[in-house]
Amino acid sequence: MGAAYVDVTIRNPAEPQRSWTGRFLVDTGAFDSLVPRAHLQEIGLKPRGRREYVLADGKLVSLDITIAEIEFEGEVVGGTIVYGNEGAEPLIGVTALESGGFEVDPRNEELKRLPAVLLKACG
């Protein structure tokens, strides 16, 4: 499979008028999404903690995280955003994709909207 990309807007939930939009690599191997630190700082987001991540090469790293609104393909979800280094490629992870009701179509290298978002019985 080649690479799939999607336009994504990251929005500061406390100040929704502050946002950044970029082209994100769809990364089904990543749980969380990643944005270069400078873009998150520009829209007023601050780190809210750190989390341990395993990189594709097996290296363990501790990275700053925050919470933001993630908008793509007409859907808005809340999600964890990892602070990436300068020049890091923005990534949208599987948690945001599934929360928005999408899966990746590997044959066409594009997002596919699910007929409904999965939810266990409530009540």
N, C-alpha and C. Protein backbone atom coordinates (compact mmCIF):
# COMPACT_ATOMS: atom_id res chain seq x y z
N MET A 1 0.84 -1.19 0.00
CA MET A 1 0.00 0.00 0.00
C MET A 1 0.87 1.23 0.00
N GLY A 2 0.48 2.23 -0.78
CA GLY A 2 1.17 3.51 -0.78
C GLY A 2 0.68 4.36 0.36
N ALA A 3 0.94 5.63 0.29
CA ALA A 3 0.58 6.55 1.37
C ALA A 3 -0.75 7.24 1.06
N ALA A 4 -1.58 7.35 2.09
CA ALA A 4 -2.83 8.09 1.98
C ALA A 4 -2.68 9.38 2.79
N TYR A 5 -3.21 10.46 2.25
CA TYR A 5 -3.15 11.77 2.92
C TYR A 5 -4.53 12.36 3.01
N VAL A 6 -4.72 13.22 4.02
CA VAL A 6 -5.99 13.90 4.20
C VAL A 6 -5.71 15.30 4.78
N ASP A 7 -6.50 16.28 4.37
CA ASP A 7 -6.40 17.62 4.94
C ASP A 7 -7.08 17.62 6.30
N VAL A 8 -6.37 18.13 7.30
CA VAL A 8 -6.85 18.10 8.68
C VAL A 8 -6.67 19.49 9.29
N THR A 9 -7.66 19.91 10.08
CA THR A 9 -7.56 21.14 10.86
C THR A 9 -7.48 20.77 12.32
N ILE A 10 -6.47 21.30 13.00
CA ILE A 10 -6.31 21.14 14.44
C ILE A 10 -6.77 22.45 15.07
N ARG A 11 -7.70 22.34 16.02
CA ARG A 11 -8.31 23.52 16.62
C ARG A 11 -8.10 23.50 18.14
N ASN A 12 -7.83 24.67 18.69
CA ASN A 12 -7.71 24.84 20.13
C ASN A 12 -9.13 24.85 20.71
N PRO A 13 -9.50 23.85 21.53
CA PRO A 13 -10.88 23.79 22.03
C PRO A 13 -11.26 24.98 22.92
N ALA A 14 -10.28 25.59 23.59
CA ALA A 14 -10.56 26.74 24.45
C ALA A 14 -10.73 28.02 23.65
N GLU A 15 -10.15 28.07 22.46
CA GLU A 15 -10.23 29.23 21.57
C GLU A 15 -10.43 28.72 20.15
N PRO A 16 -11.66 28.31 19.81
CA PRO A 16 -11.91 27.65 18.52
C PRO A 16 -11.51 28.44 17.28
N GLN A 17 -11.39 29.75 17.40
CA GLN A 17 -10.98 30.55 16.25
C GLN A 17 -9.49 30.36 15.93
N ARG A 18 -8.74 29.74 16.84
CA ARG A 18 -7.31 29.49 16.63
C ARG A 18 -7.15 28.06 16.12
N SER A 19 -6.67 27.96 14.87
CA SER A 19 -6.54 26.64 14.26
C SER A 19 -5.36 26.61 13.29
N TRP A 20 -4.97 25.41 12.93
CA TRP A 20 -3.95 25.20 11.93
C TRP A 20 -4.40 24.05 11.03
N THR A 21 -4.24 24.22 9.72
CA THR A 21 -4.63 23.20 8.76
C THR A 21 -3.41 22.73 7.98
N GLY A 22 -3.32 21.43 7.80
CA GLY A 22 -2.20 20.87 7.05
C GLY A 22 -2.59 19.57 6.39
N ARG A 23 -1.69 19.04 5.60
CA ARG A 23 -1.87 17.75 4.93
C ARG A 23 -1.23 16.69 5.81
N PHE A 24 -2.03 15.71 6.25
CA PHE A 24 -1.57 14.70 7.19
C PHE A 24 -1.45 13.34 6.52
N LEU A 25 -0.40 12.62 6.86
CA LEU A 25 -0.26 11.23 6.44
C LEU A 25 -1.20 10.40 7.30
N VAL A 26 -2.00 9.56 6.68
CA VAL A 26 -2.87 8.65 7.40
C VAL A 26 -2.00 7.49 7.89
N ASP A 27 -1.90 7.34 9.20
CA ASP A 27 -1.00 6.34 9.78
C ASP A 27 -1.79 5.37 10.65
N THR A 28 -2.20 4.25 10.06
CA THR A 28 -2.99 3.26 10.81
C THR A 28 -2.13 2.49 11.81
N GLY A 29 -0.82 2.70 11.79
CA GLY A 29 0.06 2.08 12.77
C GLY A 29 0.25 2.93 14.01
N ALA A 30 -0.32 4.13 14.02
CA ALA A 30 -0.20 5.05 15.16
C ALA A 30 -1.56 5.22 15.82
N PHE A 31 -1.59 5.17 17.13
CA PHE A 31 -2.85 5.42 17.84
C PHE A 31 -3.20 6.90 17.81
N ASP A 32 -2.23 7.75 18.18
CA ASP A 32 -2.48 9.18 18.30
C ASP A 32 -1.99 9.93 17.07
N SER A 33 -2.40 11.19 16.96
CA SER A 33 -1.99 12.04 15.84
C SER A 33 -0.78 12.87 16.27
N LEU A 34 -0.02 13.34 15.31
CA LEU A 34 1.21 14.09 15.58
C LEU A 34 1.24 15.36 14.74
N VAL A 35 1.64 16.47 15.38
CA VAL A 35 1.76 17.77 14.72
C VAL A 35 3.07 18.41 15.18
N PRO A 36 3.84 19.04 14.29
CA PRO A 36 5.03 19.74 14.73
C PRO A 36 4.71 20.76 15.84
N ARG A 37 5.56 20.79 16.84
CA ARG A 37 5.36 21.63 18.03
C ARG A 37 5.04 23.09 17.68
N ALA A 38 5.73 23.68 16.73
CA ALA A 38 5.53 25.09 16.41
C ALA A 38 4.09 25.40 16.03
N HIS A 39 3.43 24.51 15.30
CA HIS A 39 2.04 24.74 14.88
C HIS A 39 1.11 24.69 16.09
N LEU A 40 1.37 23.78 17.02
CA LEU A 40 0.54 23.69 18.22
C LEU A 40 0.72 24.94 19.09
N GLN A 41 1.95 25.42 19.19
CA GLN A 41 2.21 26.64 19.96
C GLN A 41 1.54 27.85 19.32
N GLU A 42 1.55 27.92 17.98
CA GLU A 42 0.94 29.05 17.26
C GLU A 42 -0.54 29.19 17.58
N ILE A 43 -1.22 28.09 17.85
CA ILE A 43 -2.66 28.15 18.11
C ILE A 43 -2.97 28.11 19.62
N GLY A 44 -1.92 28.29 20.42
CA GLY A 44 -2.12 28.44 21.86
C GLY A 44 -2.27 27.16 22.66
N LEU A 45 -1.94 26.03 22.07
CA LEU A 45 -2.02 24.78 22.82
C LEU A 45 -0.76 24.59 23.65
N LYS A 46 -0.94 24.04 24.84
CA LYS A 46 0.18 23.79 25.74
C LYS A 46 0.21 22.30 26.07
N PRO A 47 1.41 21.75 26.33
CA PRO A 47 1.49 20.35 26.73
C PRO A 47 0.66 20.08 27.98
N ARG A 48 -0.02 18.94 28.00
CA ARG A 48 -0.84 18.55 29.15
C ARG A 48 -0.32 17.28 29.79
N GLY A 49 0.81 16.82 29.33
CA GLY A 49 1.42 15.62 29.89
C GLY A 49 2.43 15.05 28.93
N ARG A 50 2.93 13.87 29.30
CA ARG A 50 3.88 13.15 28.45
C ARG A 50 3.40 11.72 28.35
N ARG A 51 3.75 11.08 27.25
CA ARG A 51 3.37 9.68 27.05
C ARG A 51 4.55 8.96 26.40
N GLU A 52 4.69 7.69 26.73
CA GLU A 52 5.72 6.85 26.12
C GLU A 52 5.20 6.29 24.80
N TYR A 53 6.03 6.37 23.77
CA TYR A 53 5.68 5.85 22.45
C TYR A 53 6.80 4.96 21.94
N VAL A 54 6.44 3.97 21.17
CA VAL A 54 7.41 3.13 20.48
C VAL A 54 7.41 3.55 19.01
N LEU A 55 8.57 3.95 18.52
CA LEU A 55 8.70 4.38 17.13
C LEU A 55 8.79 3.16 16.21
N ALA A 56 8.67 3.39 14.93
CA ALA A 56 8.68 2.30 13.93
C ALA A 56 9.97 1.49 14.01
N ASP A 57 11.07 2.13 14.42
CA ASP A 57 12.35 1.42 14.52
C ASP A 57 12.52 0.69 15.86
N GLY A 58 11.48 0.73 16.72
CA GLY A 58 11.51 0.05 18.00
C GLY A 58 12.01 0.90 19.16
N LYS A 59 12.46 2.11 18.87
CA LYS A 59 12.98 3.00 19.91
C LYS A 59 11.84 3.52 20.78
N LEU A 60 12.06 3.55 22.10
CA LEU A 60 11.09 4.07 23.06
C LEU A 60 11.41 5.54 23.34
N VAL A 61 10.38 6.41 23.20
CA VAL A 61 10.58 7.84 23.45
C VAL A 61 9.44 8.37 24.32
N SER A 62 9.73 9.41 25.08
CA SER A 62 8.72 10.10 25.89
C SER A 62 8.45 11.44 25.24
N LEU A 63 7.18 11.69 24.86
CA LEU A 63 6.84 12.89 24.11
C LEU A 63 5.71 13.67 24.78
N ASP A 64 5.75 15.00 24.62
CA ASP A 64 4.66 15.84 25.12
C ASP A 64 3.40 15.56 24.33
N ILE A 65 2.25 15.67 25.02
CA ILE A 65 0.95 15.51 24.37
C ILE A 65 0.01 16.63 24.81
N THR A 66 -1.03 16.85 24.04
CA THR A 66 -2.09 17.78 24.38
C THR A 66 -3.40 17.22 23.84
N ILE A 67 -4.48 17.93 24.10
CA ILE A 67 -5.80 17.56 23.61
C ILE A 67 -6.28 18.66 22.67
N ALA A 68 -6.87 18.28 21.54
CA ALA A 68 -7.35 19.26 20.57
C ALA A 68 -8.54 18.72 19.80
N GLU A 69 -9.23 19.61 19.09
CA GLU A 69 -10.24 19.20 18.13
C GLU A 69 -9.52 18.86 16.83
N ILE A 70 -9.97 17.78 16.20
CA ILE A 70 -9.38 17.31 14.95
C ILE A 70 -10.51 17.26 13.93
N GLU A 71 -10.40 18.05 12.88
CA GLU A 71 -11.45 18.11 11.85
C GLU A 71 -10.91 17.62 10.52
N PHE A 72 -11.63 16.66 9.92
CA PHE A 72 -11.25 16.15 8.60
C PHE A 72 -12.48 15.52 7.95
N GLU A 73 -12.55 15.61 6.65
CA GLU A 73 -13.63 15.00 5.87
C GLU A 73 -15.02 15.34 6.43
N GLY A 74 -15.20 16.56 6.95
CA GLY A 74 -16.50 16.98 7.45
C GLY A 74 -16.85 16.52 8.84
N GLU A 75 -15.94 15.85 9.52
CA GLU A 75 -16.15 15.35 10.88
C GLU A 75 -15.24 16.08 11.86
N VAL A 76 -15.71 16.25 13.09
CA VAL A 76 -14.90 16.84 14.16
C VAL A 76 -14.87 15.85 15.31
N VAL A 77 -13.65 15.52 15.76
CA VAL A 77 -13.47 14.62 16.90
C VAL A 77 -12.48 15.27 17.86
N GLY A 78 -12.51 14.84 19.10
CA GLY A 78 -11.50 15.26 20.06
C GLY A 78 -10.42 14.20 20.11
N GLY A 79 -9.18 14.61 20.32
CA GLY A 79 -8.14 13.59 20.35
C GLY A 79 -6.85 14.06 20.96
N THR A 80 -6.00 13.08 21.23
CA THR A 80 -4.66 13.33 21.75
C THR A 80 -3.74 13.68 20.59
N ILE A 81 -3.00 14.76 20.77
CA ILE A 81 -2.04 15.19 19.76
C ILE A 81 -0.64 15.12 20.38
N VAL A 82 0.27 14.49 19.66
CA VAL A 82 1.66 14.38 20.08
C VAL A 82 2.43 15.56 19.49
N TYR A 83 3.30 16.16 20.31
CA TYR A 83 4.17 17.24 19.85
C TYR A 83 5.33 16.65 19.07
N GLY A 84 5.37 16.93 17.78
CA GLY A 84 6.45 16.45 16.94
C GLY A 84 7.57 17.47 16.85
N ASN A 85 8.73 17.01 16.41
CA ASN A 85 9.87 17.90 16.21
C ASN A 85 9.65 18.79 15.00
N GLU A 86 10.46 19.83 14.89
CA GLU A 86 10.40 20.71 13.72
C GLU A 86 10.67 19.86 12.48
N GLY A 87 9.83 20.03 11.46
CA GLY A 87 10.00 19.30 10.23
C GLY A 87 9.34 17.93 10.23
N ALA A 88 8.75 17.52 11.36
CA ALA A 88 8.07 16.23 11.41
C ALA A 88 6.84 16.26 10.50
N GLU A 89 6.58 15.14 9.85
CA GLU A 89 5.40 15.05 9.00
C GLU A 89 4.17 14.88 9.89
N PRO A 90 3.13 15.72 9.70
CA PRO A 90 1.90 15.54 10.48
C PRO A 90 1.27 14.19 10.18
N LEU A 91 0.82 13.52 11.24
CA LEU A 91 0.20 12.20 11.13
C LEU A 91 -1.19 12.23 11.75
N ILE A 92 -2.14 11.57 11.13
CA ILE A 92 -3.43 11.34 11.77
C ILE A 92 -3.50 9.86 12.11
N GLY A 93 -3.73 9.58 13.40
CA GLY A 93 -3.70 8.22 13.89
C GLY A 93 -5.06 7.54 13.83
N VAL A 94 -5.03 6.26 14.14
CA VAL A 94 -6.21 5.42 14.03
C VAL A 94 -7.33 5.82 15.00
N THR A 95 -6.98 6.36 16.16
CA THR A 95 -8.01 6.76 17.13
C THR A 95 -8.90 7.85 16.53
N ALA A 96 -8.30 8.86 15.92
CA ALA A 96 -9.09 9.93 15.30
C ALA A 96 -9.89 9.39 14.12
N LEU A 97 -9.27 8.53 13.32
CA LEU A 97 -9.98 7.97 12.16
C LEU A 97 -11.21 7.19 12.60
N GLU A 98 -11.05 6.31 13.57
CA GLU A 98 -12.18 5.50 14.02
C GLU A 98 -13.24 6.35 14.72
N SER A 99 -12.81 7.34 15.50
CA SER A 99 -13.78 8.22 16.17
C SER A 99 -14.63 8.98 15.15
N GLY A 100 -14.03 9.31 14.01
CA GLY A 100 -14.76 10.01 12.95
C GLY A 100 -15.57 9.09 12.06
N GLY A 101 -15.45 7.78 12.26
CA GLY A 101 -16.20 6.82 11.47
C GLY A 101 -15.57 6.48 10.14
N PHE A 102 -14.23 6.40 10.13
CA PHE A 102 -13.51 6.10 8.89
C PHE A 102 -12.60 4.89 9.05
N GLU A 103 -12.35 4.24 7.93
CA GLU A 103 -11.30 3.24 7.84
C GLU A 103 -10.52 3.56 6.56
N VAL A 104 -9.37 2.93 6.42
CA VAL A 104 -8.55 3.16 5.24
C VAL A 104 -8.81 2.06 4.24
N ASP A 105 -9.08 2.45 3.00
CA ASP A 105 -9.23 1.52 1.89
C ASP A 105 -7.84 1.33 1.29
N PRO A 106 -7.17 0.20 1.57
CA PRO A 106 -5.79 0.02 1.12
C PRO A 106 -5.66 -0.08 -0.40
N ARG A 107 -6.69 -0.55 -1.07
CA ARG A 107 -6.61 -0.69 -2.52
C ARG A 107 -6.58 0.67 -3.20
N ASN A 108 -7.43 1.60 -2.74
CA ASN A 108 -7.51 2.92 -3.37
C ASN A 108 -6.72 3.98 -2.64
N GLU A 109 -6.10 3.60 -1.49
CA GLU A 109 -5.29 4.53 -0.71
C GLU A 109 -6.06 5.78 -0.35
N GLU A 110 -7.27 5.59 0.21
CA GLU A 110 -8.09 6.71 0.62
C GLU A 110 -8.95 6.33 1.80
N LEU A 111 -9.51 7.35 2.45
CA LEU A 111 -10.40 7.09 3.57
C LEU A 111 -11.75 6.63 3.07
N LYS A 112 -12.35 5.72 3.81
CA LYS A 112 -13.67 5.21 3.47
C LYS A 112 -14.57 5.43 4.68
N ARG A 113 -15.68 6.11 4.46
CA ARG A 113 -16.62 6.38 5.54
C ARG A 113 -17.38 5.10 5.87
N LEU A 114 -17.41 4.76 7.15
CA LEU A 114 -18.19 3.61 7.59
C LEU A 114 -19.66 3.98 7.61
N PRO A 115 -20.57 3.02 7.46
CA PRO A 115 -21.99 3.35 7.48
C PRO A 115 -22.45 3.92 8.82
N ALA A 116 -21.74 3.57 9.89
CA ALA A 116 -22.06 4.10 11.23
C ALA A 116 -20.83 3.89 12.10
N VAL A 117 -20.72 4.71 13.13
CA VAL A 117 -19.63 4.56 14.10
C VAL A 117 -20.03 3.46 15.08
N LEU A 118 -19.12 2.57 15.37
CA LEU A 118 -19.39 1.46 16.28
C LEU A 118 -19.57 1.95 17.71
N LEU A 119 -20.59 1.42 18.39
CA LEU A 119 -20.88 1.77 19.78
C LEU A 119 -21.50 0.56 20.45
N LYS A 120 -20.99 0.19 21.61
CA LYS A 120 -21.59 -0.91 22.35
C LYS A 120 -22.97 -0.47 22.84
N ALA A 121 -23.83 -1.43 23.18
CA ALA A 121 -25.16 -1.11 23.68
C ALA A 121 -25.07 -0.21 24.90
N CYS A 122 -25.91 0.80 24.93
CA CYS A 122 -25.92 1.70 26.08
C CYS A 122 -27.29 1.59 26.76
N GLY A 123 -27.24 1.58 28.06
CA GLY A 123 -28.51 1.56 28.75
C GLY A 123 -28.63 0.56 29.80
